[in-house]
């Protein structure tokens, strides 16, 4: 568009045209920008992370050794004897079973093959004095007899003063019975030592156990002596703790049974259920019947009296109730009609509880209950599980 032509337009239009021409001229003079292609980012290599294989759980002797107390003297010896007992009993040990055993050993003997018992000298002298009076033996004769030299070179008096362990007492009584002129009469084949070994198992249990299952480590002719060896004591202790079926929800009830007798925790719960149903007083001590010298009596116990009060609800007479109560020391009691009918009426009641028993005995120096005992062992057990 020429200048002369723009002059023909009004002033406003002329201004617009001038600006338009300038803009077009600027666009025409601008050179095109080169197009830059961006190279694609290199692909990252994909690294597959293969998880490391989980370590195989420890078993057998390796498992036992892994949870033994680090400061224990002769760890290898203790581990070998514990593992040998599990194998001989046919029990496959998991960590829970091994720790339960270690907790009982620590509670009963602090890992001593022959635990020291405080006050043995007084216990033995008191027993000898009672038996001297019973058989009318003059005091001077007893004194002169105890002054005699015993087979180990010391006098019997000296040996009594030096008593430290139950095995010391066991050997003393063996020598007194066989060597003293009135030894058999005085002691009448009586030996006050009825428990032994690092788990303090009773001789009566060991005898009953070998009658049902052969002892694998020695002669049963010297069963009392076998009980005092570490290997034998562990064998019978592990058997007593673990080698029986029980429908317990945790190990604490086995610890209570170890103290109060097998199935005491189950029976104490049964007694609570019977008390709840009948309203009769029933002490939950784990003994459903009364006993004399280890033999169940047919006369009425608290539990039997309470059951007779609800016999109509149970649809059982006294003979049937007593028949089933006689099973109280075995697993078979749980399959009995009495057990089933009580819990059919007392569905909400627990099937296990810690018995209420105060532990008594010549070796018990302070007040101890089964509940306190079970708690102490359970604390040791849980510490072991953390190792």
Protein backbone atom coordinates (compact mmCIF):
# COMPACT_ATOMS: atom_id res chain seq x y z
CA UNK A 1 0.00 0.00 0.00
CA UNK A 2 1.50 3.37 -1.03
CA UNK A 3 1.66 6.49 1.04
CA UNK A 4 -0.63 8.33 -1.33
CA UNK A 5 -3.25 5.69 -0.99
CA UNK A 6 -3.12 5.78 2.89
CA UNK A 7 -3.64 9.56 2.75
CA UNK A 8 -7.07 8.95 1.30
CA UNK A 9 -8.23 7.27 4.60
CA UNK A 10 -9.30 9.09 7.72
CA UNK A 11 -6.67 9.70 10.41
CA UNK A 12 -7.74 6.76 12.62
CA UNK A 13 -7.71 4.31 9.76
CA UNK A 14 -4.37 5.58 8.57
CA UNK A 15 -2.81 4.92 11.98
CA UNK A 16 -4.13 1.36 12.00
CA UNK A 17 -2.69 0.68 8.57
CA UNK A 18 0.74 1.99 9.57
CA UNK A 19 0.89 -0.35 12.55
CA UNK A 20 -0.21 -3.30 10.42
CA UNK A 21 2.53 -2.66 7.85
CA UNK A 22 5.18 -2.45 10.58
CA UNK A 23 4.04 -5.76 12.12
CA UNK A 24 4.09 -7.56 8.78
CA UNK A 25 7.52 -6.25 8.02
CA UNK A 26 8.83 -7.58 11.40
CA UNK A 27 7.42 -11.06 10.79
CA UNK A 28 8.95 -11.18 7.33
CA UNK A 29 12.43 -10.33 8.66
CA UNK A 30 12.42 -13.00 11.52
CA UNK A 31 14.36 -16.14 10.59
CA UNK A 32 12.76 -19.53 11.43
CA UNK A 33 14.04 -21.26 14.58
CA UNK A 34 15.58 -24.69 14.10
CA UNK A 35 13.61 -27.56 15.57
CA UNK A 36 15.67 -29.42 18.18
CA UNK A 37 14.86 -33.08 18.65
CA UNK A 38 15.37 -34.34 22.20
CA UNK A 39 17.09 -37.69 22.37
CA UNK A 40 15.13 -40.30 24.38
CA UNK A 41 16.45 -40.99 27.90
CA UNK A 42 18.40 -44.22 28.14
CA UNK A 43 16.47 -47.07 29.68
CA UNK A 44 17.44 -47.95 33.25
CA UNK A 45 18.55 -51.50 33.76
CA UNK A 46 16.07 -53.49 35.88
CA UNK A 47 17.84 -55.23 38.76
CA UNK A 48 15.95 -58.13 40.25
CA UNK A 49 16.50 -58.44 44.03
CA UNK A 50 16.56 -62.07 45.06
CA UNK A 51 15.81 -62.40 48.79
CA UNK A 52 18.38 -64.27 50.81
CA UNK A 53 17.20 -67.71 51.86
CA UNK A 54 15.82 -67.84 55.39
CA UNK A 55 18.11 -69.66 57.82
CA UNK A 56 16.92 -73.14 58.64
CA UNK A 57 15.50 -73.40 62.15
CA UNK A 58 17.80 -75.07 64.63
CA UNK A 59 16.93 -78.58 65.69
CA UNK A 60 18.21 -81.27 68.01
CA UNK A 61 21.45 -80.67 69.86
CA UNK A 62 22.08 -77.37 68.05
CA UNK A 63 18.74 -76.04 69.32
CA UNK A 64 19.46 -77.13 72.89
CA UNK A 65 22.91 -75.53 72.85
CA UNK A 66 21.52 -72.28 71.39
CA UNK A 67 19.31 -71.56 74.42
CA UNK A 68 21.51 -72.82 77.27
CA UNK A 69 22.57 -69.98 79.61
CA UNK A 70 25.75 -68.41 78.16
CA UNK A 71 27.62 -68.51 81.49
CA UNK A 72 26.73 -72.14 82.27
CA UNK A 73 29.70 -74.31 83.20
CA UNK A 74 30.08 -77.45 81.08
CA UNK A 75 27.53 -76.26 78.50
CA UNK A 76 28.45 -79.09 76.14
CA UNK A 77 27.86 -81.70 78.84
CA UNK A 78 24.48 -80.28 79.84
CA UNK A 79 23.45 -79.94 76.20
CA UNK A 80 24.43 -83.53 75.38
CA UNK A 81 22.55 -84.99 78.38
CA UNK A 82 19.40 -82.94 77.71
CA UNK A 83 19.43 -83.91 74.05
CA UNK A 84 20.02 -87.58 74.92
CA UNK A 85 16.98 -87.52 77.22
CA UNK A 86 14.73 -86.05 74.52
CA UNK A 87 15.92 -88.69 72.05
CA UNK A 88 15.49 -91.57 74.49
CA UNK A 89 11.97 -90.39 75.34
CA UNK A 90 11.05 -90.02 71.68
CA UNK A 91 10.10 -86.35 72.13
CA UNK A 92 10.99 -84.03 69.24
CA UNK A 93 12.03 -80.82 71.02
CA UNK A 94 10.99 -77.38 69.83
CA UNK A 95 12.24 -74.22 71.46
CA UNK A 96 9.23 -74.12 73.79
CA UNK A 97 9.88 -77.63 75.09
CA UNK A 98 13.62 -77.06 75.58
CA UNK A 99 13.05 -73.74 77.35
CA UNK A 100 10.44 -75.34 79.61
CA UNK A 101 13.00 -77.93 80.68
CA UNK A 102 15.72 -75.32 81.23
CA UNK A 103 13.33 -73.19 83.30
CA UNK A 104 12.56 -76.14 85.59
CA UNK A 105 16.25 -77.02 85.96
CA UNK A 106 17.08 -73.44 86.91
CA UNK A 107 14.18 -73.28 89.37
CA UNK A 108 14.93 -76.61 91.04
CA UNK A 109 18.72 -76.69 91.15
CA UNK A 110 20.26 -73.64 89.43
CA UNK A 111 21.92 -76.11 87.03
CA UNK A 112 23.60 -78.18 89.73
CA UNK A 113 23.71 -81.94 89.24
CA UNK A 114 23.59 -82.32 93.01
CA UNK A 115 21.91 -79.20 94.39
CA UNK A 116 22.91 -78.04 97.85
CA UNK A 117 20.06 -78.15 100.37
CA UNK A 118 20.23 -75.84 103.37
CA UNK A 119 19.67 -77.35 106.81
CA UNK A 120 20.19 -81.02 105.91
CA UNK A 121 22.13 -81.62 109.13
CA UNK A 122 19.16 -80.51 111.25
CA UNK A 123 16.69 -82.48 109.15
CA UNK A 124 18.65 -85.73 109.52
CA UNK A 125 19.34 -85.31 113.25
CA UNK A 126 15.66 -84.57 113.91
CA UNK A 127 14.60 -87.67 111.99
CA UNK A 128 17.15 -89.91 113.76
CA UNK A 129 16.00 -88.63 117.16
CA UNK A 130 12.36 -89.34 116.34
CA UNK A 131 13.21 -92.88 115.26
CA UNK A 132 15.45 -93.45 118.33
CA UNK A 133 12.53 -92.56 120.60
CA UNK A 134 10.13 -94.72 118.58
CA UNK A 135 12.29 -97.84 118.95
CA UNK A 136 13.42 -97.15 122.53
CA UNK A 137 17.14 -96.93 121.78
CA UNK A 138 19.08 -95.33 124.69
CA UNK A 139 20.61 -91.96 123.95
CA UNK A 140 24.12 -93.07 125.03
CA UNK A 141 23.94 -96.00 122.63
CA UNK A 142 22.90 -93.75 119.75
CA UNK A 143 25.74 -91.31 120.54
CA UNK A 144 28.39 -94.02 120.73
CA UNK A 145 27.11 -95.62 117.51
CA UNK A 146 27.25 -92.36 115.55
CA UNK A 147 30.83 -91.93 116.78
CA UNK A 148 31.87 -95.11 114.94
CA UNK A 149 33.98 -94.83 111.79
CA UNK A 150 31.95 -95.17 108.59
CA UNK A 151 33.10 -96.81 105.32
CA UNK A 152 34.44 -93.51 103.94
CA UNK A 153 36.82 -93.06 106.93
CA UNK A 154 34.83 -90.39 108.77
CA UNK A 155 32.56 -91.01 111.73
CA UNK A 156 28.82 -90.94 111.13
CA UNK A 157 28.64 -87.82 113.29
CA UNK A 158 31.21 -86.08 111.09
CA UNK A 159 29.31 -87.06 107.95
CA UNK A 160 26.05 -85.71 109.36
CA UNK A 161 27.71 -82.38 110.16
CA UNK A 162 29.10 -82.18 106.61
CA UNK A 163 25.84 -82.97 104.76
CA UNK A 164 25.28 -80.67 101.80
CA UNK A 165 23.28 -82.55 99.16
CA UNK A 166 20.49 -85.10 99.03
CA UNK A 167 22.94 -87.59 97.59
CA UNK A 168 25.13 -87.14 100.67
CA UNK A 169 22.11 -88.13 102.76
CA UNK A 170 21.35 -91.04 100.46
CA UNK A 171 24.87 -92.46 100.80
CA UNK A 172 24.84 -91.88 104.57
CA UNK A 173 21.59 -93.82 105.04
CA UNK A 174 22.80 -96.64 102.81
CA UNK A 175 25.92 -97.03 104.95
CA UNK A 176 24.01 -96.73 108.23
CA UNK A 177 21.48 -99.34 107.17
CA UNK A 178 24.11 -101.84 106.06
CA UNK A 179 26.89 -101.18 108.63
CA UNK A 180 25.39 -100.20 111.98
CA UNK A 181 24.34 -102.99 114.37
CA UNK A 182 20.79 -101.63 114.72
CA UNK A 183 20.76 -99.77 111.41
CA UNK A 184 17.97 -101.78 109.80
CA UNK A 185 15.82 -101.53 112.92
CA UNK A 186 16.50 -97.82 113.40
CA UNK A 187 15.84 -96.87 109.81
CA UNK A 188 13.53 -99.77 108.88
CA UNK A 189 14.60 -99.39 105.25
CA UNK A 190 13.54 -95.77 105.51
CA UNK A 191 15.40 -93.17 103.48
CA UNK A 192 14.26 -89.54 103.83
CA UNK A 193 15.57 -88.72 100.36
CA UNK A 194 12.67 -89.17 97.98
CA UNK A 195 13.68 -86.71 95.26
CA UNK A 196 16.91 -86.20 93.39
CA UNK A 197 18.79 -84.87 90.41
CA UNK A 198 18.89 -81.42 88.79
CA UNK A 199 15.10 -81.42 88.31
CA UNK A 200 14.29 -82.88 91.77
CA UNK A 201 12.14 -85.76 90.52
CA UNK A 202 10.58 -88.16 93.01
CA UNK A 203 11.85 -91.71 93.32
CA UNK A 204 8.26 -92.99 93.28
CA UNK A 205 7.72 -91.47 89.83
CA UNK A 206 10.98 -92.93 88.53
CA UNK A 207 9.97 -96.39 89.74
CA UNK A 208 6.53 -96.17 88.17
CA UNK A 209 7.97 -94.82 84.94
CA UNK A 210 10.55 -97.60 84.45
CA UNK A 211 7.82 -100.16 85.12
CA UNK A 212 6.08 -98.89 81.99
CA UNK A 213 9.09 -97.87 79.89
CA UNK A 214 12.60 -99.38 80.03
CA UNK A 215 15.31 -97.09 81.39
CA UNK A 216 17.88 -96.50 78.61
CA UNK A 217 20.97 -95.34 80.51
CA UNK A 218 21.75 -97.86 83.23
CA UNK A 219 20.51 -100.55 85.58
CA UNK A 220 17.21 -100.12 87.39
CA UNK A 221 18.72 -102.11 90.28
CA UNK A 222 20.39 -98.86 91.31
CA UNK A 223 17.52 -96.58 90.30
CA UNK A 224 17.94 -94.32 93.31
CA UNK A 225 21.58 -93.75 92.36
CA UNK A 226 20.65 -93.22 88.70
CA UNK A 227 18.27 -90.47 89.76
CA UNK A 228 21.21 -88.60 91.29
CA UNK A 229 23.24 -88.61 88.08
CA UNK A 230 22.84 -85.64 85.77
CA UNK A 231 21.85 -87.82 82.83
CA UNK A 232 19.38 -89.93 84.80
CA UNK A 233 17.92 -86.98 86.68
CA UNK A 234 17.33 -85.08 83.43
CA UNK A 235 15.75 -88.12 81.80
CA UNK A 236 13.16 -88.57 84.55
CA UNK A 237 12.64 -84.81 84.93
CA UNK A 238 11.90 -84.27 81.24
CA UNK A 239 9.62 -87.32 81.28
CA UNK A 240 7.68 -85.95 84.25
CA UNK A 241 7.32 -82.49 82.69
CA UNK A 242 6.53 -83.34 79.08
CA UNK A 243 5.80 -87.03 78.52
CA UNK A 244 2.06 -86.98 79.14
CA UNK A 245 -0.84 -85.69 77.02
CA UNK A 246 -2.63 -82.59 78.28
CA UNK A 247 -5.00 -80.12 76.66
CA UNK A 248 -3.34 -77.06 78.15
CA UNK A 249 -3.30 -73.72 76.36
CA UNK A 250 0.12 -72.72 77.69
CA UNK A 251 3.15 -74.15 79.43
CA UNK A 252 2.36 -72.53 82.80
CA UNK A 253 -0.10 -75.29 83.63
CA UNK A 254 2.62 -77.91 83.12
CA UNK A 255 4.84 -75.95 85.50
CA UNK A 256 2.06 -76.04 88.09
CA UNK A 257 1.62 -79.78 87.49
CA UNK A 258 5.36 -80.30 87.96
CA UNK A 259 4.97 -78.88 91.45
CA UNK A 260 1.53 -80.22 92.40
CA UNK A 261 1.26 -83.45 90.40
CA UNK A 262 0.24 -84.34 86.87
CA UNK A 263 -3.21 -83.07 85.82
CA UNK A 264 -3.55 -80.96 88.96
CA UNK A 265 -4.26 -77.87 86.84
CA UNK A 266 -7.01 -79.66 84.91
CA UNK A 267 -8.49 -81.12 88.10
CA UNK A 268 -8.44 -77.77 89.91
CA UNK A 269 -10.49 -76.28 87.06
CA UNK A 270 -12.90 -79.21 87.30
CA UNK A 271 -13.28 -78.56 91.03
CA UNK A 272 -14.10 -74.91 90.29
CA UNK A 273 -16.79 -76.01 87.84
CA UNK A 274 -18.28 -78.41 90.41
CA UNK A 275 -18.32 -75.65 93.05
CA UNK A 276 -20.01 -73.29 90.56
CA UNK A 277 -22.71 -75.86 89.79
CA UNK A 278 -23.37 -77.11 93.31
CA UNK A 279 -22.63 -74.15 95.54
CA UNK A 280 -20.78 -76.53 97.87
CA UNK A 281 -17.29 -75.53 99.13
CA UNK A 282 -14.64 -77.26 97.03
CA UNK A 283 -10.97 -76.31 97.44
CA UNK A 284 -9.31 -76.22 93.98
CA UNK A 285 -6.24 -78.20 95.07
CA UNK A 286 -6.16 -80.65 92.16
CA UNK A 287 -7.00 -83.75 94.23
CA UNK A 288 -10.54 -84.91 93.49
CA UNK A 289 -10.32 -87.75 96.03
CA UNK A 290 -8.68 -88.23 99.42
CA UNK A 291 -5.45 -90.24 99.54
CA UNK A 292 -3.48 -92.24 102.09
CA UNK A 293 0.05 -93.35 101.25
CA UNK A 294 -0.66 -92.59 97.61
CA UNK A 295 -3.80 -94.75 97.45
CA UNK A 296 -7.20 -93.19 96.66
CA UNK A 297 -9.86 -93.64 99.34
CA UNK A 298 -13.52 -94.31 98.61
CA UNK A 299 -14.84 -92.06 101.37
CA UNK A 300 -16.29 -88.68 100.54
CA UNK A 301 -13.92 -85.89 99.54
CA UNK A 302 -15.16 -82.32 99.12
CA UNK A 303 -15.39 -82.86 95.38
CA UNK A 304 -17.34 -86.11 95.72
CA UNK A 305 -19.79 -84.57 98.20
CA UNK A 306 -20.44 -81.64 95.87
CA UNK A 307 -20.97 -83.99 92.92
CA UNK A 308 -23.44 -86.09 94.90
CA UNK A 309 -25.44 -82.92 95.52
CA UNK A 310 -25.96 -82.54 91.75
CA UNK A 311 -26.10 -86.25 90.91
CA UNK A 312 -29.69 -85.91 89.63
CA UNK A 313 -28.58 -83.26 87.10
CA UNK A 314 -25.65 -85.44 86.10
CA UNK A 315 -27.87 -88.55 85.90
CA UNK A 316 -25.16 -90.54 87.69
CA UNK A 317 -25.21 -92.42 90.99
CA UNK A 318 -22.41 -92.51 93.56
CA UNK A 319 -20.78 -95.63 92.14
CA UNK A 320 -20.60 -94.14 88.65
CA UNK A 321 -19.25 -90.81 89.93
CA UNK A 322 -16.60 -92.53 92.06
CA UNK A 323 -15.60 -94.79 89.16
CA UNK A 324 -14.82 -91.76 86.99
CA UNK A 325 -13.10 -89.83 89.78
CA UNK A 326 -10.67 -92.74 90.12
CA UNK A 327 -9.33 -91.68 86.69
CA UNK A 328 -8.24 -88.26 87.97
CA UNK A 329 -4.50 -88.92 87.63
CA UNK A 330 -4.79 -89.85 83.95
CA UNK A 331 -5.74 -88.30 80.62
CA UNK A 332 -8.66 -90.76 80.46
CA UNK A 333 -10.60 -88.66 82.98
CA UNK A 334 -11.31 -86.14 80.21
CA UNK A 335 -13.08 -88.87 78.21
CA UNK A 336 -15.24 -89.95 81.15
CA UNK A 337 -19.04 -89.38 81.30
CA UNK A 338 -18.62 -87.41 84.53
CA UNK A 339 -16.20 -84.90 83.00
CA UNK A 340 -18.39 -84.45 79.91
CA UNK A 341 -21.61 -83.97 81.88
CA UNK A 342 -20.12 -81.47 84.33
CA UNK A 343 -18.86 -79.27 81.49
CA UNK A 344 -22.10 -79.66 79.54
CA UNK A 345 -23.72 -77.90 82.50
CA UNK A 346 -20.79 -75.50 83.09
CA UNK A 347 -19.83 -74.56 79.53
CA UNK A 348 -18.46 -71.16 80.54
CA UNK A 349 -16.02 -72.52 83.10
CA UNK A 350 -12.30 -72.85 82.19
CA UNK A 351 -10.69 -76.25 81.60
CA UNK A 352 -7.43 -75.45 83.44
CA UNK A 353 -6.40 -73.27 86.39
CA UNK A 354 -3.47 -73.10 88.79
CA UNK A 355 -4.20 -75.19 91.92
CA UNK A 356 -4.39 -73.39 95.25
CA UNK A 357 -1.76 -75.25 97.29
CA UNK A 358 0.72 -74.18 99.92
CA UNK A 359 3.91 -76.19 99.41
CA UNK A 360 5.17 -77.84 102.57
CA UNK A 361 8.20 -79.97 103.35
CA UNK A 362 11.39 -80.19 105.34
CA UNK A 363 13.36 -78.49 102.58
CA UNK A 364 10.93 -75.57 102.11
CA UNK A 365 12.44 -72.67 104.03
CA UNK A 366 9.81 -70.03 103.21
CA UNK A 367 6.15 -69.85 102.32
CA UNK A 368 5.66 -71.16 98.80
CA UNK A 369 2.47 -71.77 96.86
CA UNK A 370 1.99 -73.62 93.60
CA UNK A 371 0.84 -70.36 92.01
CA UNK A 372 4.05 -68.58 93.04
CA UNK A 373 6.13 -71.54 91.90
CA UNK A 374 4.45 -71.60 88.46
CA UNK A 375 4.95 -67.84 88.03
CA UNK A 376 8.63 -68.07 88.89
CA UNK A 377 9.24 -70.90 86.43
CA UNK A 378 7.19 -69.13 83.77
CA UNK A 379 9.39 -66.04 84.13
CA UNK A 380 12.50 -68.14 83.56
CA UNK A 381 10.81 -69.83 80.61
CA UNK A 382 10.02 -66.50 78.91
CA UNK A 383 13.58 -65.26 79.45
CA UNK A 384 14.84 -68.42 77.72
CA UNK A 385 12.52 -67.90 74.74
CA UNK A 386 14.21 -64.52 74.13
CA UNK A 387 17.66 -66.10 73.79
